[in-house]
Amino acid sequence: MSIQCTLNEIKEGQQCIVKTILTRGAMRRRLLDLGIISGTRIECRQKSPYGDPVAFLIRGAVIALRNEDSVNIIVEPLFERGDAKNGINQ
């Protein structure tokens, strides 16, 4: 069984794979236009001092997303060898 979480839970420097997008309408279209589709690898590049927005590396471009948008993106975190697999925010 794989661990899944929302994109806003990913730590700075961590990578993940998009599983699904929960939002509909114009926001879903915007995320799809940015290349955020199932199977896309995303890296959390930098969190702002107050935690919102967050910069992500997506298909070679750095894109800032607000937490209210990234909470609707379900991802599977990628762990480096030796990382703890029992929690996201350790």
PDB file of N, CA and C in Angstrom:
ATOM      1  N   MET A   1       0.839  -1.183   0.000  1.00  0.00           N
ATOM      2  CA  MET A   1       0.000   0.000   0.000  1.00  0.00           C
ATOM      3  C   MET A   1       0.883   1.246   0.000  1.00  0.00           C
ATOM      4  N   SER A   2       0.574   2.196  -0.854  1.00  0.00           N
ATOM      5  CA  SER A   2       1.370   3.415  -0.921  1.00  0.00           C
ATOM      6  C   SER A   2       0.773   4.495  -0.021  1.00  0.00           C
ATOM      7  N   ILE A   3       1.646   5.368   0.443  1.00  0.00           N
ATOM      8  CA  ILE A   3       1.230   6.493   1.271  1.00  0.00           C
ATOM      9  C   ILE A   3       0.783   7.615   0.349  1.00  0.00           C
ATOM     10  N   GLN A   4      -0.370   8.194   0.638  1.00  0.00           N
ATOM     11  CA  GLN A   4      -0.835   9.337  -0.133  1.00  0.00           C
ATOM     12  C   GLN A   4      -1.143  10.489   0.803  1.00  0.00           C
ATOM     13  N   CYS A   5      -1.004  11.705   0.284  1.00  0.00           N
ATOM     14  CA  CYS A   5      -1.296  12.908   1.051  1.00  0.00           C
ATOM     15  C   CYS A   5      -1.663  14.003   0.062  1.00  0.00           C
ATOM     16  N   THR A   6      -1.897  15.195   0.561  1.00  0.00           N
ATOM     17  CA  THR A   6      -2.157  16.315  -0.339  1.00  0.00           C
ATOM     18  C   THR A   6      -0.850  17.041  -0.627  1.00  0.00           C
ATOM     19  N   LEU A   7      -0.807  17.759  -1.735  1.00  0.00           N
ATOM     20  CA  LEU A   7       0.419  18.432  -2.161  1.00  0.00           C
ATOM     21  C   LEU A   7       0.911  19.432  -1.118  1.00  0.00           C
ATOM     22  N   ASN A   8       0.007  20.072  -0.392  1.00  0.00           N
ATOM     23  CA  ASN A   8       0.437  21.059   0.603  1.00  0.00           C
ATOM     24  C   ASN A   8       1.146  20.425   1.801  1.00  0.00           C
ATOM     25  N   GLU A   9       1.117  19.104   1.937  1.00  0.00           N
ATOM     26  CA  GLU A   9       1.799  18.412   3.034  1.00  0.00           C
ATOM     27  C   GLU A   9       3.242  18.027   2.700  1.00  0.00           C
ATOM     28  N   ILE A  10       3.649  18.196   1.463  1.00  0.00           N
ATOM     29  CA  ILE A  10       4.998  17.820   1.040  1.00  0.00           C
ATOM     30  C   ILE A  10       6.011  18.805   1.607  1.00  0.00           C
ATOM     31  N   LYS A  11       7.118  18.269   2.125  1.00  0.00           N
ATOM     32  CA  LYS A  11       8.166  19.103   2.713  1.00  0.00           C
ATOM     33  C   LYS A  11       9.027  19.741   1.632  1.00  0.00           C
ATOM     34  N   GLU A  12       9.652  20.844   1.985  1.00  0.00           N
ATOM     35  CA  GLU A  12      10.568  21.530   1.077  1.00  0.00           C
ATOM     36  C   GLU A  12      11.687  20.575   0.667  1.00  0.00           C
ATOM     37  N   GLY A  13      11.944  20.471  -0.627  1.00  0.00           N
ATOM     38  CA  GLY A  13      12.976  19.583  -1.149  1.00  0.00           C
ATOM     39  C   GLY A  13      12.483  18.184  -1.474  1.00  0.00           C
ATOM     40  N   GLN A  14      11.287  17.833  -1.046  1.00  0.00           N
ATOM     41  CA  GLN A  14      10.747  16.498  -1.284  1.00  0.00           C
ATOM     42  C   GLN A  14      10.035  16.440  -2.637  1.00  0.00           C
ATOM     43  N   GLN A  15      10.053  15.262  -3.246  1.00  0.00           N
ATOM     44  CA  GLN A  15       9.373  15.043  -4.517  1.00  0.00           C
ATOM     45  C   GLN A  15       8.179  14.132  -4.313  1.00  0.00           C
ATOM     46  N   CYS A  16       7.248  14.205  -5.250  1.00  0.00           N
ATOM     47  CA  CYS A  16       6.051  13.370  -5.182  1.00  0.00           C
ATOM     48  C   CYS A  16       5.516  13.147  -6.590  1.00  0.00           C
ATOM     49  N   ILE A  17       4.568  12.234  -6.695  1.00  0.00           N
ATOM     50  CA  ILE A  17       3.902  11.928  -7.956  1.00  0.00           C
ATOM     51  C   ILE A  17       2.414  12.228  -7.785  1.00  0.00           C
ATOM     52  N   VAL A  18       1.840  12.951  -8.743  1.00  0.00           N
ATOM     53  CA  VAL A  18       0.416  13.288  -8.693  1.00  0.00           C
ATOM     54  C   VAL A  18      -0.414  12.030  -8.920  1.00  0.00           C
ATOM     55  N   LYS A  19      -1.409  11.830  -8.061  1.00  0.00           N
ATOM     56  CA  LYS A  19      -2.336  10.712  -8.207  1.00  0.00           C
ATOM     57  C   LYS A  19      -3.670  11.170  -8.785  1.00  0.00           C
ATOM     58  N   THR A  20      -4.234  12.245  -8.240  1.00  0.00           N
ATOM     59  CA  THR A  20      -5.516  12.753  -8.729  1.00  0.00           C
ATOM     60  C   THR A  20      -5.716  14.201  -8.307  1.00  0.00           C
ATOM     61  N   ILE A  21      -6.624  14.873  -8.998  1.00  0.00           N
ATOM     62  CA  ILE A  21      -7.009  16.246  -8.661  1.00  0.00           C
ATOM     63  C   ILE A  21      -8.471  16.211  -8.236  1.00  0.00           C
ATOM     64  N   LEU A  22      -8.763  16.760  -7.062  1.00  0.00           N
ATOM     65  CA  LEU A  22     -10.109  16.688  -6.509  1.00  0.00           C
ATOM     66  C   LEU A  22     -11.009  17.849  -6.917  1.00  0.00           C
ATOM     67  N   THR A  23     -10.439  18.946  -7.370  1.00  0.00           N
ATOM     68  CA  THR A  23     -11.232  20.132  -7.693  1.00  0.00           C
ATOM     69  C   THR A  23     -11.865  20.024  -9.082  1.00  0.00           C
ATOM     70  N   ARG A  24     -12.863  20.843  -9.330  1.00  0.00           N
ATOM     71  CA  ARG A  24     -13.581  20.859 -10.613  1.00  0.00           C
ATOM     72  C   ARG A  24     -13.575  22.268 -11.199  1.00  0.00           C
ATOM     73  N   GLY A  25     -14.099  22.407 -12.373  1.00  0.00           N
ATOM     74  CA  GLY A  25     -14.298  23.715 -12.980  1.00  0.00           C
ATOM     75  C   GLY A  25     -13.020  24.393 -13.435  1.00  0.00           C
ATOM     76  N   ALA A  26     -13.012  25.723 -13.299  1.00  0.00           N
ATOM     77  CA  ALA A  26     -11.906  26.545 -13.800  1.00  0.00           C
ATOM     78  C   ALA A  26     -10.581  26.214 -13.120  1.00  0.00           C
ATOM     79  N   MET A  27     -10.600  25.928 -11.821  1.00  0.00           N
ATOM     80  CA  MET A  27      -9.349  25.613 -11.124  1.00  0.00           C
ATOM     81  C   MET A  27      -8.782  24.289 -11.626  1.00  0.00           C
ATOM     82  N   ARG A  28      -9.626  23.308 -11.861  1.00  0.00           N
ATOM     83  CA  ARG A  28      -9.143  22.031 -12.406  1.00  0.00           C
ATOM     84  C   ARG A  28      -8.486  22.265 -13.767  1.00  0.00           C
ATOM     85  N   ARG A  29      -9.134  23.061 -14.617  1.00  0.00           N
ATOM     86  CA  ARG A  29      -8.598  23.363 -15.939  1.00  0.00           C
ATOM     87  C   ARG A  29      -7.241  24.055 -15.826  1.00  0.00           C
ATOM     88  N   ARG A  30      -7.118  25.000 -14.884  1.00  0.00           N
ATOM     89  CA  ARG A  30      -5.850  25.713 -14.687  1.00  0.00           C
ATOM     90  C   ARG A  30      -4.746  24.744 -14.285  1.00  0.00           C
ATOM     91  N   LEU A  31      -5.041  23.848 -13.337  1.00  0.00           N
ATOM     92  CA  LEU A  31      -4.040  22.878 -12.883  1.00  0.00           C
ATOM     93  C   LEU A  31      -3.625  21.950 -14.027  1.00  0.00           C
ATOM     94  N   LEU A  32      -4.586  21.509 -14.812  1.00  0.00           N
ATOM     95  CA  LEU A  32      -4.273  20.654 -15.961  1.00  0.00           C
ATOM     96  C   LEU A  32      -3.429  21.409 -16.982  1.00  0.00           C
ATOM     97  N   ASP A  33      -3.762  22.680 -17.220  1.00  0.00           N
ATOM     98  CA  ASP A  33      -2.983  23.503 -18.157  1.00  0.00           C
ATOM     99  C   ASP A  33      -1.547  23.702 -17.690  1.00  0.00           C
ATOM    100  N   LEU A  34      -1.329  23.691 -16.367  1.00  0.00           N
ATOM    101  CA  LEU A  34       0.017  23.823 -15.808  1.00  0.00           C
ATOM    102  C   LEU A  34       0.803  22.513 -15.890  1.00  0.00           C
ATOM    103  N   GLY A  35       0.145  21.440 -16.360  1.00  0.00           N
ATOM    104  CA  GLY A  35       0.817  20.150 -16.489  1.00  0.00           C
ATOM    105  C   GLY A  35       0.660  19.258 -15.277  1.00  0.00           C
ATOM    106  N   ILE A  36      -0.233  19.626 -14.374  1.00  0.00           N
ATOM    107  CA  ILE A  36      -0.458  18.825 -13.172  1.00  0.00           C
ATOM    108  C   ILE A  36      -1.517  17.780 -13.503  1.00  0.00           C
ATOM    109  N   ILE A  37      -1.040  16.625 -13.962  1.00  0.00           N
ATOM    110  CA  ILE A  37      -1.918  15.512 -14.303  1.00  0.00           C
ATOM    111  C   ILE A  37      -1.400  14.262 -13.596  1.00  0.00           C
ATOM    112  N   SER A  38      -2.208  13.232 -13.570  1.00  0.00           N
ATOM    113  CA  SER A  38      -1.816  11.984 -12.927  1.00  0.00           C
ATOM    114  C   SER A  38      -0.489  11.493 -13.496  1.00  0.00           C
ATOM    115  N   GLY A  39       0.450  11.178 -12.610  1.00  0.00           N
ATOM    116  CA  GLY A  39       1.761  10.685 -13.015  1.00  0.00           C
ATOM    117  C   GLY A  39       2.846  11.741 -13.068  1.00  0.00           C
ATOM    118  N   THR A  40       2.477  13.017 -12.961  1.00  0.00           N
ATOM    119  CA  THR A  40       3.460  14.104 -13.012  1.00  0.00           C
ATOM    120  C   THR A  40       4.300  14.124 -11.737  1.00  0.00           C
ATOM    121  N   ARG A  41       5.614  14.264 -11.903  1.00  0.00           N
ATOM    122  CA  ARG A  41       6.526  14.399 -10.762  1.00  0.00           C
ATOM    123  C   ARG A  41       6.607  15.877 -10.386  1.00  0.00           C
ATOM    124  N   ILE A  42       6.465  16.152  -9.092  1.00  0.00           N
ATOM    125  CA  ILE A  42       6.522  17.523  -8.574  1.00  0.00           C
ATOM    126  C   ILE A  42       7.520  17.568  -7.429  1.00  0.00           C
ATOM    127  N   GLU A  43       8.289  18.649  -7.374  1.00  0.00           N
ATOM    128  CA  GLU A  43       9.218  18.869  -6.259  1.00  0.00           C
ATOM    129  C   GLU A  43       8.839  20.162  -5.551  1.00  0.00           C
ATOM    130  N   CYS A  44       8.760  20.100  -4.234  1.00  0.00           N
ATOM    131  CA  CYS A  44       8.516  21.302  -3.436  1.00  0.00           C
ATOM    132  C   CYS A  44       9.832  22.061  -3.348  1.00  0.00           C
ATOM    133  N   ARG A  45       9.900  23.226  -3.973  1.00  0.00           N
ATOM    134  CA  ARG A  45      11.141  23.993  -4.039  1.00  0.00           C
ATOM    135  C   ARG A  45      11.317  24.942  -2.863  1.00  0.00           C
ATOM    136  N   GLN A  46      10.267  25.700  -2.530  1.00  0.00           N
ATOM    137  CA  GLN A  46      10.417  26.703  -1.474  1.00  0.00           C
ATOM    138  C   GLN A  46       9.056  27.079  -0.907  1.00  0.00           C
ATOM    139  N   LYS A  47       8.998  27.134   0.428  1.00  0.00           N
ATOM    140  CA  LYS A  47       7.794  27.604   1.105  1.00  0.00           C
ATOM    141  C   LYS A  47       8.027  29.038   1.547  1.00  0.00           C
ATOM    142  N   SER A  48       7.029  29.877   1.377  1.00  0.00           N
ATOM    143  CA  SER A  48       7.165  31.271   1.794  1.00  0.00           C
ATOM    144  C   SER A  48       7.241  31.333   3.318  1.00  0.00           C
ATOM    145  N   PRO A  49       7.717  32.446   3.877  1.00  0.00           N
ATOM    146  CA  PRO A  49       7.880  32.550   5.335  1.00  0.00           C
ATOM    147  C   PRO A  49       6.610  32.223   6.127  1.00  0.00           C
ATOM    148  N   TYR A  50       5.461  32.548   5.588  1.00  0.00           N
ATOM    149  CA  TYR A  50       4.202  32.251   6.282  1.00  0.00           C
ATOM    150  C   TYR A  50       3.543  30.980   5.764  1.00  0.00           C
ATOM    151  N   GLY A  51       4.234  30.253   4.885  1.00  0.00           N
ATOM    152  CA  GLY A  51       3.753  28.964   4.411  1.00  0.00           C
ATOM    153  C   GLY A  51       2.804  29.001   3.222  1.00  0.00           C
ATOM    154  N   ASP A  52       2.495  30.180   2.710  1.00  0.00           N
ATOM    155  CA  ASP A  52       1.553  30.285   1.607  1.00  0.00           C
ATOM    156  C   ASP A  52       1.867  31.520   0.785  1.00  0.00           C
ATOM    157  N   PRO A  53       2.147  31.440  -0.499  1.00  0.00           N
ATOM    158  CA  PRO A  53       2.115  30.256  -1.355  1.00  0.00           C
ATOM    159  C   PRO A  53       3.400  29.440  -1.257  1.00  0.00           C
ATOM    160  N   VAL A  54       3.420  28.352  -2.014  1.00  0.00           N
ATOM    161  CA  VAL A  54       4.570  27.450  -2.053  1.00  0.00           C
ATOM    162  C   VAL A  54       5.011  27.309  -3.513  1.00  0.00           C
ATOM    163  N   ALA A  55       6.333  27.325  -3.741  1.00  0.00           N
ATOM    164  CA  ALA A  55       6.885  27.167  -5.090  1.00  0.00           C
ATOM    165  C   ALA A  55       7.175  25.688  -5.352  1.00  0.00           C
ATOM    166  N   PHE A  56       6.661  25.190  -6.475  1.00  0.00           N
ATOM    167  CA  PHE A  56       6.858  23.799  -6.877  1.00  0.00           C
ATOM    168  C   PHE A  56       7.525  23.755  -8.246  1.00  0.00           C
ATOM    169  N   LEU A  57       8.415  22.779  -8.437  1.00  0.00           N
ATOM    170  CA  LEU A  57       8.998  22.523  -9.750  1.00  0.00           C
ATOM    171  C   LEU A  57       8.097  21.509 -10.448  1.00  0.00           C
ATOM    172  N   ILE A  58       7.481  21.959 -11.544  1.00  0.00           N
ATOM    173  CA  ILE A  58       6.527  21.129 -12.274  1.00  0.00           C
ATOM    174  C   ILE A  58       6.908  21.144 -13.748  1.00  0.00           C
ATOM    175  N   ARG A  59       7.346  20.006 -14.271  1.00  0.00           N
ATOM    176  CA  ARG A  59       7.702  19.877 -15.691  1.00  0.00           C
ATOM    177  C   ARG A  59       8.684  20.954 -16.142  1.00  0.00           C
ATOM    178  N   GLY A  60       9.685  21.227 -15.308  1.00  0.00           N
ATOM    179  CA  GLY A  60      10.742  22.165 -15.666  1.00  0.00           C
ATOM    180  C   GLY A  60      10.462  23.618 -15.366  1.00  0.00           C
ATOM    181  N   ALA A  61       9.291  23.936 -14.859  1.00  0.00           N
ATOM    182  CA  ALA A  61       8.939  25.321 -14.525  1.00  0.00           C
ATOM    183  C   ALA A  61       8.633  25.426 -13.037  1.00  0.00           C
ATOM    184  N   VAL A  62       9.056  26.516 -12.419  1.00  0.00           N
ATOM    185  CA  VAL A  62       8.738  26.756 -11.011  1.00  0.00           C
ATOM    186  C   VAL A  62       7.423  27.529 -10.962  1.00  0.00           C
ATOM    187  N   ILE A  63       6.444  26.954 -10.266  1.00  0.00           N
ATOM    188  CA  ILE A  63       5.095  27.515 -10.207  1.00  0.00           C
ATOM    189  C   ILE A  63       4.678  27.644  -8.752  1.00  0.00           C
ATOM    190  N   ALA A  64       4.144  28.809  -8.383  1.00  0.00           N
ATOM    191  CA  ALA A  64       3.656  29.038  -7.023  1.00  0.00           C
ATOM    192  C   ALA A  64       2.176  28.678  -6.956  1.00  0.00           C
ATOM    193  N   LEU A  65       1.831  27.868  -5.955  1.00  0.00           N
ATOM    194  CA  LEU A  65       0.439  27.496  -5.724  1.00  0.00           C
ATOM    195  C   LEU A  65       0.039  27.877  -4.308  1.00  0.00           C
ATOM    196  N   ARG A  66      -1.176  28.351  -4.162  1.00  0.00           N
ATOM    197  CA  ARG A  66      -1.714  28.641  -2.832  1.00  0.00           C
ATOM    198  C   ARG A  66      -2.120  27.334  -2.166  1.00  0.00           C
ATOM    199  N   ASN A  67      -2.087  27.320  -0.832  1.00  0.00           N
ATOM    200  CA  ASN A  67      -2.478  26.119  -0.095  1.00  0.00           C
ATOM    201  C   ASN A  67      -3.916  25.717  -0.402  1.00  0.00           C
ATOM    202  N   GLU A  68      -4.795  26.692  -0.602  1.00  0.00           N
ATOM    203  CA  GLU A  68      -6.195  26.371  -0.885  1.00  0.00           C
ATOM    204  C   GLU A  68      -6.346  25.620  -2.208  1.00  0.00           C
ATOM    205  N   ASP A  69      -5.364  25.745  -3.097  1.00  0.00           N
ATOM    206  CA  ASP A  69      -5.376  25.003  -4.359  1.00  0.00           C
ATOM    207  C   ASP A  69      -4.631  23.677  -4.235  1.00  0.00           C
ATOM    208  N   SER A  70      -3.478  23.686  -3.572  1.00  0.00           N
ATOM    209  CA  SER A  70      -2.668  22.466  -3.478  1.00  0.00           C
ATOM    210  C   SER A  70      -3.287  21.416  -2.559  1.00  0.00           C
ATOM    211  N   VAL A  71      -4.221  21.808  -1.699  1.00  0.00           N
ATOM    212  CA  VAL A  71      -4.893  20.839  -0.834  1.00  0.00           C
ATOM    213  C   VAL A  71      -5.805  19.912  -1.653  1.00  0.00           C
ATOM    214  N   ASN A  72      -6.127  20.307  -2.873  1.00  0.00           N
ATOM    215  CA  ASN A  72      -6.986  19.504  -3.747  1.00  0.00           C
ATOM    216  C   ASN A  72      -6.215  18.579  -4.681  1.00  0.00           C
ATOM    217  N   ILE A  73      -4.904  18.489  -4.495  1.00  0.00           N
ATOM    218  CA  ILE A  73      -4.071  17.628  -5.337  1.00  0.00           C
ATOM    219  C   ILE A  73      -3.551  16.478  -4.475  1.00  0.00           C
ATOM    220  N   ILE A  74      -3.974  15.266  -4.791  1.00  0.00           N
ATOM    221  CA  ILE A  74      -3.547  14.074  -4.050  1.00  0.00           C
ATOM    222  C   ILE A  74      -2.275  13.545  -4.699  1.00  0.00           C
ATOM    223  N   VAL A  75      -1.251  13.315  -3.861  1.00  0.00           N
ATOM    224  CA  VAL A  75       0.053  12.877  -4.356  1.00  0.00           C
ATOM    225  C   VAL A  75       0.565  11.686  -3.556  1.00  0.00           C
ATOM    226  N   GLU A  76       1.559  11.033  -4.122  1.00  0.00           N
ATOM    227  CA  GLU A  76       2.298   9.973  -3.430  1.00  0.00           C
ATOM    228  C   GLU A  76       3.728  10.467  -3.245  1.00  0.00           C
ATOM    229  N   PRO A  77       4.151  10.694  -1.999  1.00  0.00           N
ATOM    230  CA  PRO A  77       5.519  11.175  -1.754  1.00  0.00           C
ATOM    231  C   PRO A  77       6.552  10.152  -2.211  1.00  0.00           C
ATOM    232  N   LEU A  78       7.674  10.646  -2.720  1.00  0.00           N
ATOM    233  CA  LEU A  78       8.807   9.798  -3.082  1.00  0.00           C
ATOM    234  C   LEU A  78       9.835   9.931  -1.978  1.00  0.00           C
ATOM    235  N   PHE A  79      10.280   8.821  -1.457  1.00  0.00           N
ATOM    236  CA  PHE A  79      11.230   8.824  -0.353  1.00  0.00           C
ATOM    237  C   PHE A  79      12.604   8.427  -0.836  1.00  0.00           C
ATOM    238  N   GLU A  80      13.602   9.121  -0.340  1.00  0.00           N
ATOM    239  CA  GLU A  80      14.990   8.758  -0.616  1.00  0.00           C
ATOM    240  C   GLU A  80      15.353   7.562   0.251  1.00  0.00           C
ATOM    241  N   ARG A  81      16.332   6.812  -0.163  1.00  0.00           N
ATOM    242  CA  ARG A  81      16.798   5.673   0.615  1.00  0.00           C
ATOM    243  C   ARG A  81      17.184   6.149   2.010  1.00  0.00           C
ATOM    244  N   GLY A  82      16.643   5.492   3.037  1.00  0.00           N
ATOM    245  CA  GLY A  82      16.967   5.845   4.416  1.00  0.00           C
ATOM    246  C   GLY A  82      15.973   6.797   5.054  1.00  0.00           C
ATOM    247  N   ASP A  83      15.068   7.407   4.261  1.00  0.00           N
ATOM    248  CA  ASP A  83      14.054   8.291   4.836  1.00  0.00           C
ATOM    249  C   ASP A  83      13.032   7.467   5.601  1.00  0.00           C
ATOM    250  N   ALA A  84      12.468   8.071   6.636  1.00  0.00           N
ATOM    251  CA  ALA A  84      11.393   7.419   7.382  1.00  0.00           C
ATOM    252  C   ALA A  84      10.145   7.401   6.507  1.00  0.00           C
ATOM    253  N   LYS A  85       9.458   6.266   6.468  1.00  0.00           N
ATOM    254  CA  LYS A  85       8.258   6.155   5.646  1.00  0.00           C
ATOM    255  C   LYS A  85       6.993   6.179   6.492  1.00  0.00           C
ATOM    256  N   ASN A  86       7.103   6.505   7.746  1.00  0.00           N
ATOM    257  CA  ASN A  86       5.921   6.463   8.597  1.00  0.00           C
ATOM    258  C   ASN A  86       5.338   7.837   8.860  1.00  0.00           C
ATOM    259  N   GLY A  87       5.717   8.839   8.100  1.00  0.00           N
ATOM    260  CA  GLY A  87       5.127  10.156   8.285  1.00  0.00           C
ATOM    261  C   GLY A  87       5.620  11.139   7.247  1.00  0.00           C
ATOM    262  N   ILE A  88       4.805  12.122   6.959  1.00  0.00           N
ATOM    263  CA  ILE A  88       5.145  13.113   5.948  1.00  0.00           C
ATOM    264  C   ILE A  88       5.922  14.265   6.564  1.00  0.00           C
ATOM    265  N   ASN A  89       5.442  14.803   7.664  1.00  0.00           N
ATOM    266  CA  ASN A  89       6.016  16.018   8.249  1.00  0.00           C
ATOM    267  C   ASN A  89       6.929  15.733   9.432  1.00  0.00           C
ATOM    268  N   GLN A  90       7.867  14.841   9.267  1.00  0.00           N
ATOM    269  CA  GLN A  90       8.781  14.538  10.376  1.00  0.00           C
ATOM    270  C   GLN A  90       9.979  15.433  10.341  1.00  0.00           C
TER     271      GLN A  90
END
